[in-house]
């Protein structure tokens, strides 16, 4: 389940553990037209 971590100075954010996969950084720009959760136009990243 989500759990709290103590980062000091009263900041106790909630976290979840993740098994990260191998992969490299990838620009969103060439994918924008293909991604269903992205809208078209100048406000394409609004949902994010």
ModelCIF file with pLDDT and N, C-alpha, C, O atoms, coordinates in Angstrom:
data_MODEL
#
_entry.id   MODEL 
#
_entity.id                         1 
_entity.type                       polymer 
_entity.pdbx_number_of_molecules   1 
#
_entity_poly.entity_id                      1 
_entity_poly.type                           'polypeptide(L)' 
_entity_poly.nstd_linkage                   no 
_entity_poly.nstd_monomer                   no 
_entity_poly.pdbx_seq_one_letter_code       
;(UNK)(UNK)(UNK)(UNK)(UNK)(UNK)(UNK)(UNK)(UNK)(UNK)(UNK)(UNK)(UNK)(UNK)(UNK)(UNK)
(UNK)(UNK)(UNK)(UNK)(UNK)(UNK)(UNK)(UNK)(UNK)(UNK)(UNK)(UNK)(UNK)(UNK)(UNK)(UNK)
(UNK)(UNK)(UNK)(UNK)(UNK)(UNK)(UNK)(UNK)(UNK)(UNK)(UNK)(UNK)(UNK)(UNK)(UNK)(UNK)
;
_entity_poly.pdbx_seq_one_letter_code_can   XXXXXXXXXXXXXXXXXXXXXXXXXXXXXXXXXXXXXXXXXXXXXXXX 
_entity_poly.pdbx_strand_id                 A 
#
loop_
_entity_poly_seq.entity_id 
_entity_poly_seq.num 
_entity_poly_seq.mon_id 
_entity_poly_seq.hetero 
1 1  UNK n 
1 2  UNK n 
1 3  UNK n 
1 4  UNK n 
1 5  UNK n 
1 6  UNK n 
1 7  UNK n 
1 8  UNK n 
1 9  UNK n 
1 10 UNK n 
1 11 UNK n 
1 12 UNK n 
1 13 UNK n 
1 14 UNK n 
1 15 UNK n 
1 16 UNK n 
1 17 UNK n 
1 18 UNK n 
1 19 UNK n 
1 20 UNK n 
1 21 UNK n 
1 22 UNK n 
1 23 UNK n 
1 24 UNK n 
1 25 UNK n 
1 26 UNK n 
1 27 UNK n 
1 28 UNK n 
1 29 UNK n 
1 30 UNK n 
1 31 UNK n 
1 32 UNK n 
1 33 UNK n 
1 34 UNK n 
1 35 UNK n 
1 36 UNK n 
1 37 UNK n 
1 38 UNK n 
1 39 UNK n 
1 40 UNK n 
1 41 UNK n 
1 42 UNK n 
1 43 UNK n 
1 44 UNK n 
1 45 UNK n 
1 46 UNK n 
1 47 UNK n 
1 48 UNK n 
#
_struct_asym.id          A 
_struct_asym.entity_id   1 
#
loop_
_ma_qa_metric.id 
_ma_qa_metric.mode 
_ma_qa_metric.name 
_ma_qa_metric.software_group_id 
_ma_qa_metric.type 
1 global pLDDT . pLDDT 
2 local  pLDDT . pLDDT 
#
_ma_qa_metric_global.metric_id      1 
_ma_qa_metric_global.metric_value   93.52 
_ma_qa_metric_global.model_id       1 
_ma_qa_metric_global.ordinal_id     1 
#
loop_
_ma_qa_metric_local.label_asym_id 
_ma_qa_metric_local.label_comp_id 
_ma_qa_metric_local.label_seq_id 
_ma_qa_metric_local.metric_id 
_ma_qa_metric_local.metric_value 
_ma_qa_metric_local.model_id 
_ma_qa_metric_local.ordinal_id 
A UNK 1  2 96.00 1 1  
A UNK 2  2 97.00 1 2  
A UNK 3  2 97.00 1 3  
A UNK 4  2 96.00 1 4  
A UNK 5  2 94.00 1 5  
A UNK 6  2 91.00 1 6  
A UNK 7  2 89.00 1 7  
A UNK 8  2 88.00 1 8  
A UNK 9  2 91.00 1 9  
A UNK 10 2 89.00 1 10 
A UNK 11 2 92.00 1 11 
A UNK 12 2 95.00 1 12 
A UNK 13 2 95.00 1 13 
A UNK 14 2 96.00 1 14 
A UNK 15 2 97.00 1 15 
A UNK 16 2 98.00 1 16 
A UNK 17 2 98.00 1 17 
A UNK 18 2 98.00 1 18 
A UNK 19 2 98.00 1 19 
A UNK 20 2 98.00 1 20 
A UNK 21 2 98.00 1 21 
A UNK 22 2 97.00 1 22 
A UNK 23 2 96.00 1 23 
A UNK 24 2 98.00 1 24 
A UNK 25 2 98.00 1 25 
A UNK 26 2 98.00 1 26 
A UNK 27 2 98.00 1 27 
A UNK 28 2 97.00 1 28 
A UNK 29 2 95.00 1 29 
A UNK 30 2 96.00 1 30 
A UNK 31 2 96.00 1 31 
A UNK 32 2 94.00 1 32 
A UNK 33 2 93.00 1 33 
A UNK 34 2 96.00 1 34 
A UNK 35 2 96.00 1 35 
A UNK 36 2 94.00 1 36 
A UNK 37 2 94.00 1 37 
A UNK 38 2 92.00 1 38 
A UNK 39 2 86.00 1 39 
A UNK 40 2 84.00 1 40 
A UNK 41 2 84.00 1 41 
A UNK 42 2 86.00 1 42 
A UNK 43 2 88.00 1 43 
A UNK 44 2 90.00 1 44 
A UNK 45 2 86.00 1 45 
A UNK 46 2 86.00 1 46 
A UNK 47 2 89.00 1 47 
A UNK 48 2 91.00 1 48 
#
loop_
_atom_site.group_PDB 
_atom_site.id 
_atom_site.type_symbol 
_atom_site.label_atom_id 
_atom_site.label_alt_id 
_atom_site.label_comp_id 
_atom_site.label_asym_id 
_atom_site.label_entity_id 
_atom_site.label_seq_id 
_atom_site.pdbx_PDB_ins_code 
_atom_site.Cartn_x 
_atom_site.Cartn_y 
_atom_site.Cartn_z 
_atom_site.occupancy 
_atom_site.B_iso_or_equiv 
_atom_site.pdbx_formal_charge 
_atom_site.auth_seq_id 
_atom_site.auth_comp_id 
_atom_site.auth_asym_id 
_atom_site.auth_atom_id 
_atom_site.pdbx_PDB_model_num 
ATOM 1   N N  . UNK A 1 1  ? 0.841  -1.198 0.000   1.00 96.00 ? 1  UNK A N  1 
ATOM 2   C CA . UNK A 1 1  ? 0.000  0.000  0.000   1.00 96.00 ? 1  UNK A CA 1 
ATOM 3   C C  . UNK A 1 1  ? 0.881  1.255  0.000   1.00 96.00 ? 1  UNK A C  1 
ATOM 4   O O  . UNK A 1 1  ? 2.080  1.175  0.267   1.00 96.00 ? 1  UNK A O  1 
ATOM 5   N N  . UNK A 1 2  ? 0.289  2.399  -0.297  1.00 97.00 ? 2  UNK A N  1 
ATOM 6   C CA . UNK A 1 2  ? 1.059  3.644  -0.150  1.00 97.00 ? 2  UNK A CA 1 
ATOM 7   C C  . UNK A 1 2  ? 1.517  3.797  1.302   1.00 97.00 ? 2  UNK A C  1 
ATOM 8   O O  . UNK A 1 2  ? 0.825  3.385  2.232   1.00 97.00 ? 2  UNK A O  1 
ATOM 9   N N  . UNK A 1 3  ? 2.677  4.386  1.473   1.00 97.00 ? 3  UNK A N  1 
ATOM 10  C CA . UNK A 1 3  ? 3.244  4.588  2.808   1.00 97.00 ? 3  UNK A CA 1 
ATOM 11  C C  . UNK A 1 3  ? 3.877  5.977  2.861   1.00 97.00 ? 3  UNK A C  1 
ATOM 12  O O  . UNK A 1 3  ? 4.179  6.571  1.826   1.00 97.00 ? 3  UNK A O  1 
ATOM 13  N N  . UNK A 1 4  ? 4.070  6.480  4.058   1.00 96.00 ? 4  UNK A N  1 
ATOM 14  C CA . UNK A 1 4  ? 4.696  7.786  4.242   1.00 96.00 ? 4  UNK A CA 1 
ATOM 15  C C  . UNK A 1 4  ? 6.184  7.649  4.505   1.00 96.00 ? 4  UNK A C  1 
ATOM 16  O O  . UNK A 1 4  ? 6.636  6.719  5.173   1.00 96.00 ? 4  UNK A O  1 
ATOM 17  N N  . UNK A 1 5  ? 6.931  8.595  3.963   1.00 94.00 ? 5  UNK A N  1 
ATOM 18  C CA . UNK A 1 5  ? 8.370  8.665  4.195   1.00 94.00 ? 5  UNK A CA 1 
ATOM 19  C C  . UNK A 1 5  ? 8.683  10.002 4.851   1.00 94.00 ? 5  UNK A C  1 
ATOM 20  O O  . UNK A 1 5  ? 8.013  11.001 4.591   1.00 94.00 ? 5  UNK A O  1 
ATOM 21  N N  . UNK A 1 6  ? 9.680  10.016 5.684   1.00 91.00 ? 6  UNK A N  1 
ATOM 22  C CA . UNK A 1 6  ? 10.078 11.250 6.357   1.00 91.00 ? 6  UNK A CA 1 
ATOM 23  C C  . UNK A 1 6  ? 11.252 11.864 5.607   1.00 91.00 ? 6  UNK A C  1 
ATOM 24  O O  . UNK A 1 6  ? 12.354 11.316 5.605   1.00 91.00 ? 6  UNK A O  1 
ATOM 25  N N  . UNK A 1 7  ? 11.011 12.997 4.975   1.00 89.00 ? 7  UNK A N  1 
ATOM 26  C CA . UNK A 1 7  ? 12.070 13.681 4.231   1.00 89.00 ? 7  UNK A CA 1 
ATOM 27  C C  . UNK A 1 7  ? 12.637 14.858 5.015   1.00 89.00 ? 7  UNK A C  1 
ATOM 28  O O  . UNK A 1 7  ? 13.437 15.632 4.488   1.00 89.00 ? 7  UNK A O  1 
ATOM 29  N N  . UNK A 1 8  ? 12.224 14.993 6.274   1.00 88.00 ? 8  UNK A N  1 
ATOM 30  C CA . UNK A 1 8  ? 12.746 16.057 7.124   1.00 88.00 ? 8  UNK A CA 1 
ATOM 31  C C  . UNK A 1 8  ? 11.943 17.340 7.017   1.00 88.00 ? 8  UNK A C  1 
ATOM 32  O O  . UNK A 1 8  ? 11.182 17.545 6.071   1.00 88.00 ? 8  UNK A O  1 
ATOM 33  N N  . UNK A 1 9  ? 12.129 18.190 8.002   1.00 91.00 ? 9  UNK A N  1 
ATOM 34  C CA . UNK A 1 9  ? 11.457 19.493 8.065   1.00 91.00 ? 9  UNK A CA 1 
ATOM 35  C C  . UNK A 1 9  ? 9.937  19.374 7.963   1.00 91.00 ? 9  UNK A C  1 
ATOM 36  O O  . UNK A 1 9  ? 9.268  20.258 7.426   1.00 91.00 ? 9  UNK A O  1 
ATOM 37  N N  . UNK A 1 10 ? 9.401  18.264 8.489   1.00 89.00 ? 10 UNK A N  1 
ATOM 38  C CA . UNK A 1 10 ? 7.960  18.069 8.520   1.00 89.00 ? 10 UNK A CA 1 
ATOM 39  C C  . UNK A 1 10 ? 7.340  17.570 7.229   1.00 89.00 ? 10 UNK A C  1 
ATOM 40  O O  . UNK A 1 10 ? 6.124  17.394 7.161   1.00 89.00 ? 10 UNK A O  1 
ATOM 41  N N  . UNK A 1 11 ? 8.153  17.336 6.197   1.00 92.00 ? 11 UNK A N  1 
ATOM 42  C CA . UNK A 1 11 ? 7.613  16.848 4.927   1.00 92.00 ? 11 UNK A CA 1 
ATOM 43  C C  . UNK A 1 11 ? 7.577  15.329 4.948   1.00 92.00 ? 11 UNK A C  1 
ATOM 44  O O  . UNK A 1 11 ? 8.616  14.670 4.998   1.00 92.00 ? 11 UNK A O  1 
ATOM 45  N N  . UNK A 1 12 ? 6.362  14.781 4.910   1.00 95.00 ? 12 UNK A N  1 
ATOM 46  C CA . UNK A 1 12 ? 6.136  13.334 4.966   1.00 95.00 ? 12 UNK A CA 1 
ATOM 47  C C  . UNK A 1 12 ? 5.271  12.898 3.786   1.00 95.00 ? 12 UNK A C  1 
ATOM 48  O O  . UNK A 1 12 ? 4.077  12.650 3.952   1.00 95.00 ? 12 UNK A O  1 
ATOM 49  N N  . UNK A 1 13 ? 5.866  12.803 2.595   1.00 95.00 ? 13 UNK A N  1 
ATOM 50  C CA . UNK A 1 13 ? 5.092  12.442 1.407   1.00 95.00 ? 13 UNK A CA 1 
ATOM 51  C C  . UNK A 1 13 ? 4.717  10.964 1.393   1.00 95.00 ? 13 UNK A C  1 
ATOM 52  O O  . UNK A 1 13 ? 5.376  10.126 2.009   1.00 95.00 ? 13 UNK A O  1 
ATOM 53  N N  . UNK A 1 14 ? 3.641  10.676 0.674   1.00 96.00 ? 14 UNK A N  1 
ATOM 54  C CA . UNK A 1 14 ? 3.233  9.295  0.450   1.00 96.00 ? 14 UNK A CA 1 
ATOM 55  C C  . UNK A 1 14 ? 3.941  8.765  -0.789  1.00 96.00 ? 14 UNK A C  1 
ATOM 56  O O  . UNK A 1 14 ? 4.191  9.497  -1.746  1.00 96.00 ? 14 UNK A O  1 
ATOM 57  N N  . UNK A 1 15 ? 4.258  7.474  -0.746  1.00 97.00 ? 15 UNK A N  1 
ATOM 58  C CA . UNK A 1 15 ? 4.982  6.800  -1.835  1.00 97.00 ? 15 UNK A CA 1 
ATOM 59  C C  . UNK A 1 15 ? 4.400  5.424  -2.091  1.00 97.00 ? 15 UNK A C  1 
ATOM 60  O O  . UNK A 1 15 ? 3.659  4.878  -1.274  1.00 97.00 ? 15 UNK A O  1 
ATOM 61  N N  . UNK A 1 16 ? 4.750  4.882  -3.233  1.00 98.00 ? 16 UNK A N  1 
ATOM 62  C CA . UNK A 1 16 ? 4.500  3.480  -3.568  1.00 98.00 ? 16 UNK A CA 1 
ATOM 63  C C  . UNK A 1 16 ? 5.798  2.929  -4.106  1.00 98.00 ? 16 UNK A C  1 
ATOM 64  O O  . UNK A 1 16 ? 6.559  3.646  -4.756  1.00 98.00 ? 16 UNK A O  1 
ATOM 65  N N  . UNK A 1 17 ? 6.060  1.656  -3.841  1.00 98.00 ? 17 UNK A N  1 
ATOM 66  C CA . UNK A 1 17 ? 7.256  1.009  -4.365  1.00 98.00 ? 17 UNK A CA 1 
ATOM 67  C C  . UNK A 1 17 ? 7.018  0.572  -5.812  1.00 98.00 ? 17 UNK A C  1 
ATOM 68  O O  . UNK A 1 17 ? 5.931  0.117  -6.168  1.00 98.00 ? 17 UNK A O  1 
ATOM 69  N N  . UNK A 1 18 ? 8.050  0.719  -6.632  1.00 98.00 ? 18 UNK A N  1 
ATOM 70  C CA . UNK A 1 18 ? 7.967  0.414  -8.060  1.00 98.00 ? 18 UNK A CA 1 
ATOM 71  C C  . UNK A 1 18 ? 9.205  -0.371 -8.487  1.00 98.00 ? 18 UNK A C  1 
ATOM 72  O O  . UNK A 1 18 ? 10.323 -0.063 -8.072  1.00 98.00 ? 18 UNK A O  1 
ATOM 73  N N  . UNK A 1 19 ? 8.992  -1.379 -9.312  1.00 98.00 ? 19 UNK A N  1 
ATOM 74  C CA . UNK A 1 19 ? 10.097 -2.089 -9.966  1.00 98.00 ? 19 UNK A CA 1 
ATOM 75  C C  . UNK A 1 19 ? 10.343 -1.361 -11.285 1.00 98.00 ? 19 UNK A C  1 
ATOM 76  O O  . UNK A 1 19 ? 9.606  -1.548 -12.253 1.00 98.00 ? 19 UNK A O  1 
ATOM 77  N N  . UNK A 1 20 ? 11.379 -0.535 -11.316 1.00 98.00 ? 20 UNK A N  1 
ATOM 78  C CA . UNK A 1 20 ? 11.675 0.255  -12.511 1.00 98.00 ? 20 UNK A CA 1 
ATOM 79  C C  . UNK A 1 20 ? 12.304 -0.631 -13.576 1.00 98.00 ? 20 UNK A C  1 
ATOM 80  O O  . UNK A 1 20 ? 13.116 -1.505 -13.272 1.00 98.00 ? 20 UNK A O  1 
ATOM 81  N N  . UNK A 1 21 ? 11.927 -0.403 -14.803 1.00 98.00 ? 21 UNK A N  1 
ATOM 82  C CA . UNK A 1 21 ? 12.441 -1.171 -15.936 1.00 98.00 ? 21 UNK A CA 1 
ATOM 83  C C  . UNK A 1 21 ? 13.627 -0.450 -16.568 1.00 98.00 ? 21 UNK A C  1 
ATOM 84  O O  . UNK A 1 21 ? 13.786 0.763  -16.427 1.00 98.00 ? 21 UNK A O  1 
ATOM 85  N N  . UNK A 1 22 ? 14.452 -1.222 -17.267 1.00 97.00 ? 22 UNK A N  1 
ATOM 86  C CA . UNK A 1 22 ? 15.524 -0.616 -18.039 1.00 97.00 ? 22 UNK A CA 1 
ATOM 87  C C  . UNK A 1 22 ? 14.901 0.113  -19.219 1.00 97.00 ? 22 UNK A C  1 
ATOM 88  O O  . UNK A 1 22 ? 13.987 -0.400 -19.865 1.00 97.00 ? 22 UNK A O  1 
ATOM 89  N N  . UNK A 1 23 ? 15.388 1.278  -19.487 1.00 96.00 ? 23 UNK A N  1 
ATOM 90  C CA . UNK A 1 23 ? 14.904 2.070  -20.610 1.00 96.00 ? 23 UNK A CA 1 
ATOM 91  C C  . UNK A 1 23 ? 15.612 3.404  -20.607 1.00 96.00 ? 23 UNK A C  1 
ATOM 92  O O  . UNK A 1 23 ? 16.281 3.763  -19.638 1.00 96.00 ? 23 UNK A O  1 
ATOM 93  N N  . UNK A 1 24 ? 15.463 4.132  -21.686 1.00 98.00 ? 24 UNK A N  1 
ATOM 94  C CA . UNK A 1 24 ? 16.127 5.425  -21.811 1.00 98.00 ? 24 UNK A CA 1 
ATOM 95  C C  . UNK A 1 24 ? 15.085 6.535  -21.934 1.00 98.00 ? 24 UNK A C  1 
ATOM 96  O O  . UNK A 1 24 ? 13.924 6.287  -22.257 1.00 98.00 ? 24 UNK A O  1 
ATOM 97  N N  . UNK A 1 25 ? 15.519 7.731  -21.675 1.00 98.00 ? 25 UNK A N  1 
ATOM 98  C CA . UNK A 1 25 ? 14.664 8.909  -21.805 1.00 98.00 ? 25 UNK A CA 1 
ATOM 99  C C  . UNK A 1 25 ? 14.153 9.006  -23.247 1.00 98.00 ? 25 UNK A C  1 
ATOM 100 O O  . UNK A 1 25 ? 14.882 8.725  -24.197 1.00 98.00 ? 25 UNK A O  1 
ATOM 101 N N  . UNK A 1 26 ? 12.882 9.410  -23.389 1.00 98.00 ? 26 UNK A N  1 
ATOM 102 C CA . UNK A 1 26 ? 12.298 9.541  -24.729 1.00 98.00 ? 26 UNK A CA 1 
ATOM 103 C C  . UNK A 1 26 ? 11.429 10.795 -24.794 1.00 98.00 ? 26 UNK A C  1 
ATOM 104 O O  . UNK A 1 26 ? 10.532 10.982 -23.972 1.00 98.00 ? 26 UNK A O  1 
ATOM 105 N N  . UNK A 1 27 ? 11.697 11.634 -25.759 1.00 98.00 ? 27 UNK A N  1 
ATOM 106 C CA . UNK A 1 27 ? 10.924 12.856 -25.945 1.00 98.00 ? 27 UNK A CA 1 
ATOM 107 C C  . UNK A 1 27 ? 9.464  12.527 -26.233 1.00 98.00 ? 27 UNK A C  1 
ATOM 108 O O  . UNK A 1 27 ? 9.164  11.570 -26.948 1.00 98.00 ? 27 UNK A O  1 
ATOM 109 N N  . UNK A 1 28 ? 8.561  13.322 -25.673 1.00 97.00 ? 28 UNK A N  1 
ATOM 110 C CA . UNK A 1 28 ? 7.145  13.151 -25.950 1.00 97.00 ? 28 UNK A CA 1 
ATOM 111 C C  . UNK A 1 28 ? 6.768  13.760 -27.307 1.00 97.00 ? 28 UNK A C  1 
ATOM 112 O O  . UNK A 1 28 ? 5.750  13.387 -27.890 1.00 97.00 ? 28 UNK A O  1 
ATOM 113 N N  . UNK A 1 29 ? 7.571  14.680 -27.803 1.00 95.00 ? 29 UNK A N  1 
ATOM 114 C CA . UNK A 1 29 ? 7.204  15.445 -28.991 1.00 95.00 ? 29 UNK A CA 1 
ATOM 115 C C  . UNK A 1 29 ? 6.893  14.584 -30.218 1.00 95.00 ? 29 UNK A C  1 
ATOM 116 O O  . UNK A 1 29 ? 5.875  14.826 -30.867 1.00 95.00 ? 29 UNK A O  1 
ATOM 117 N N  . UNK A 1 30 ? 7.722  13.584 -30.570 1.00 96.00 ? 30 UNK A N  1 
ATOM 118 C CA . UNK A 1 30 ? 7.368  12.778 -31.738 1.00 96.00 ? 30 UNK A CA 1 
ATOM 119 C C  . UNK A 1 30 ? 6.196  11.818 -31.492 1.00 96.00 ? 30 UNK A C  1 
ATOM 120 O O  . UNK A 1 30 ? 5.658  11.247 -32.441 1.00 96.00 ? 30 UNK A O  1 
ATOM 121 N N  . UNK A 1 31 ? 5.801  11.639 -30.243 1.00 96.00 ? 31 UNK A N  1 
ATOM 122 C CA . UNK A 1 31 ? 4.710  10.715 -29.899 1.00 96.00 ? 31 UNK A CA 1 
ATOM 123 C C  . UNK A 1 31 ? 3.358  11.403 -29.773 1.00 96.00 ? 31 UNK A C  1 
ATOM 124 O O  . UNK A 1 31 ? 2.321  10.738 -29.768 1.00 96.00 ? 31 UNK A O  1 
ATOM 125 N N  . UNK A 1 32 ? 3.360  12.718 -29.671 1.00 94.00 ? 32 UNK A N  1 
ATOM 126 C CA . UNK A 1 32 ? 2.134  13.458 -29.352 1.00 94.00 ? 32 UNK A CA 1 
ATOM 127 C C  . UNK A 1 32 ? 0.951  13.088 -30.228 1.00 94.00 ? 32 UNK A C  1 
ATOM 128 O O  . UNK A 1 32 ? -0.144 12.866 -29.710 1.00 94.00 ? 32 UNK A O  1 
ATOM 129 N N  . UNK A 1 33 ? 1.132  13.015 -31.516 1.00 93.00 ? 33 UNK A N  1 
ATOM 130 C CA . UNK A 1 33 ? 0.015  12.732 -32.420 1.00 93.00 ? 33 UNK A CA 1 
ATOM 131 C C  . UNK A 1 33 ? -0.535 11.320 -32.236 1.00 93.00 ? 33 UNK A C  1 
ATOM 132 O O  . UNK A 1 33 ? -1.704 11.071 -32.530 1.00 93.00 ? 33 UNK A O  1 
ATOM 133 N N  . UNK A 1 34 ? 0.287  10.402 -31.758 1.00 96.00 ? 34 UNK A N  1 
ATOM 134 C CA . UNK A 1 34 ? -0.129 9.003  -31.615 1.00 96.00 ? 34 UNK A CA 1 
ATOM 135 C C  . UNK A 1 34 ? -0.737 8.681  -30.250 1.00 96.00 ? 34 UNK A C  1 
ATOM 136 O O  . UNK A 1 34 ? -1.474 7.704  -30.118 1.00 96.00 ? 34 UNK A O  1 
ATOM 137 N N  . UNK A 1 35 ? -0.438 9.486  -29.242 1.00 96.00 ? 35 UNK A N  1 
ATOM 138 C CA . UNK A 1 35 ? -0.911 9.196  -27.885 1.00 96.00 ? 35 UNK A CA 1 
ATOM 139 C C  . UNK A 1 35 ? -2.357 9.639  -27.699 1.00 96.00 ? 35 UNK A C  1 
ATOM 140 O O  . UNK A 1 35 ? -2.695 10.796 -27.951 1.00 96.00 ? 35 UNK A O  1 
ATOM 141 N N  . UNK A 1 36 ? -3.199 8.729  -27.264 1.00 94.00 ? 36 UNK A N  1 
ATOM 142 C CA . UNK A 1 36 ? -4.623 9.003  -27.100 1.00 94.00 ? 36 UNK A CA 1 
ATOM 143 C C  . UNK A 1 36 ? -4.959 9.954  -25.971 1.00 94.00 ? 36 UNK A C  1 
ATOM 144 O O  . UNK A 1 36 ? -6.010 10.594 -26.009 1.00 94.00 ? 36 UNK A O  1 
ATOM 145 N N  . UNK A 1 37 ? -4.108 10.069 -24.971 1.00 94.00 ? 37 UNK A N  1 
ATOM 146 C CA . UNK A 1 37 ? -4.435 10.949 -23.838 1.00 94.00 ? 37 UNK A CA 1 
ATOM 147 C C  . UNK A 1 37 ? -3.978 12.387 -24.076 1.00 94.00 ? 37 UNK A C  1 
ATOM 148 O O  . UNK A 1 37 ? -4.217 13.261 -23.243 1.00 94.00 ? 37 UNK A O  1 
ATOM 149 N N  . UNK A 1 38 ? -3.328 12.629 -25.199 1.00 92.00 ? 38 UNK A N  1 
ATOM 150 C CA . UNK A 1 38 ? -2.846 13.971 -25.543 1.00 92.00 ? 38 UNK A CA 1 
ATOM 151 C C  . UNK A 1 38 ? -3.838 14.625 -26.501 1.00 92.00 ? 38 UNK A C  1 
ATOM 152 O O  . UNK A 1 38 ? -4.278 14.005 -27.469 1.00 92.00 ? 38 UNK A O  1 
ATOM 153 N N  . UNK A 1 39 ? -4.181 15.866 -26.228 1.00 86.00 ? 39 UNK A N  1 
ATOM 154 C CA . UNK A 1 39 ? -5.061 16.594 -27.144 1.00 86.00 ? 39 UNK A CA 1 
ATOM 155 C C  . UNK A 1 39 ? -4.215 17.288 -28.208 1.00 86.00 ? 39 UNK A C  1 
ATOM 156 O O  . UNK A 1 39 ? -3.007 17.459 -28.044 1.00 86.00 ? 39 UNK A O  1 
ATOM 157 N N  . UNK A 1 40 ? -4.853 17.675 -29.275 1.00 84.00 ? 40 UNK A N  1 
ATOM 158 C CA . UNK A 1 40 ? -4.156 18.392 -30.340 1.00 84.00 ? 40 UNK A CA 1 
ATOM 159 C C  . UNK A 1 40 ? -4.126 19.877 -30.026 1.00 84.00 ? 40 UNK A C  1 
ATOM 160 O O  . UNK A 1 40 ? -4.900 20.366 -29.203 1.00 84.00 ? 40 UNK A O  1 
ATOM 161 N N  . UNK A 1 41 ? -3.238 20.577 -30.678 1.00 84.00 ? 41 UNK A N  1 
ATOM 162 C CA . UNK A 1 41 ? -3.202 22.020 -30.542 1.00 84.00 ? 41 UNK A CA 1 
ATOM 163 C C  . UNK A 1 41 ? -2.203 22.510 -29.524 1.00 84.00 ? 41 UNK A C  1 
ATOM 164 O O  . UNK A 1 41 ? -1.426 21.730 -28.974 1.00 84.00 ? 41 UNK A O  1 
ATOM 165 N N  . UNK A 1 42 ? -2.225 23.813 -29.273 1.00 86.00 ? 42 UNK A N  1 
ATOM 166 C CA . UNK A 1 42 ? -1.217 24.425 -28.399 1.00 86.00 ? 42 UNK A CA 1 
ATOM 167 C C  . UNK A 1 42 ? -1.330 24.010 -26.934 1.00 86.00 ? 42 UNK A C  1 
ATOM 168 O O  . UNK A 1 42 ? -0.358 24.140 -26.189 1.00 86.00 ? 42 UNK A O  1 
ATOM 169 N N  . UNK A 1 43 ? -2.478 23.520 -26.506 1.00 88.00 ? 43 UNK A N  1 
ATOM 170 C CA . UNK A 1 43 ? -2.661 23.087 -25.112 1.00 88.00 ? 43 UNK A CA 1 
ATOM 171 C C  . UNK A 1 43 ? -2.579 21.564 -24.973 1.00 88.00 ? 43 UNK A C  1 
ATOM 172 O O  . UNK A 1 43 ? -3.263 20.975 -24.136 1.00 88.00 ? 43 UNK A O  1 
ATOM 173 N N  . UNK A 1 44 ? -1.752 20.941 -25.786 1.00 90.00 ? 44 UNK A N  1 
ATOM 174 C CA . UNK A 1 44 ? -1.672 19.482 -25.838 1.00 90.00 ? 44 UNK A CA 1 
ATOM 175 C C  . UNK A 1 44 ? -1.366 18.852 -24.478 1.00 90.00 ? 44 UNK A C  1 
ATOM 176 O O  . UNK A 1 44 ? -1.820 17.737 -24.219 1.00 90.00 ? 44 UNK A O  1 
ATOM 177 N N  . UNK A 1 45 ? -0.630 19.509 -23.620 1.00 86.00 ? 45 UNK A N  1 
ATOM 178 C CA . UNK A 1 45 ? -0.228 18.916 -22.344 1.00 86.00 ? 45 UNK A CA 1 
ATOM 179 C C  . UNK A 1 45 ? -1.128 19.242 -21.174 1.00 86.00 ? 45 UNK A C  1 
ATOM 180 O O  . UNK A 1 45 ? -0.770 18.976 -20.026 1.00 86.00 ? 45 UNK A O  1 
ATOM 181 N N  . UNK A 1 46 ? -2.291 19.813 -21.441 1.00 86.00 ? 46 UNK A N  1 
ATOM 182 C CA . UNK A 1 46 ? -3.154 20.275 -20.355 1.00 86.00 ? 46 UNK A CA 1 
ATOM 183 C C  . UNK A 1 46 ? -3.500 19.176 -19.354 1.00 86.00 ? 46 UNK A C  1 
ATOM 184 O O  . UNK A 1 46 ? -3.437 19.408 -18.147 1.00 86.00 ? 46 UNK A O  1 
ATOM 185 N N  . UNK A 1 47 ? -3.860 17.998 -19.822 1.00 89.00 ? 47 UNK A N  1 
ATOM 186 C CA . UNK A 1 47 ? -4.226 16.892 -18.903 1.00 89.00 ? 47 UNK A CA 1 
ATOM 187 C C  . UNK A 1 47 ? -3.084 16.511 -17.974 1.00 89.00 ? 47 UNK A C  1 
ATOM 188 O O  . UNK A 1 47 ? -3.319 16.051 -16.856 1.00 89.00 ? 47 UNK A O  1 
ATOM 189 N N  . UNK A 1 48 ? -1.865 16.697 -18.420 1.00 91.00 ? 48 UNK A N  1 
ATOM 190 C CA . UNK A 1 48 ? -0.711 16.325 -17.607 1.00 91.00 ? 48 UNK A CA 1 
ATOM 191 C C  . UNK A 1 48 ? -0.590 17.186 -16.360 1.00 91.00 ? 48 UNK A C  1 
ATOM 192 O O  . UNK A 1 48 ? 0.333  16.999 -15.567 1.00 91.00 ? 48 UNK A O  1 
#
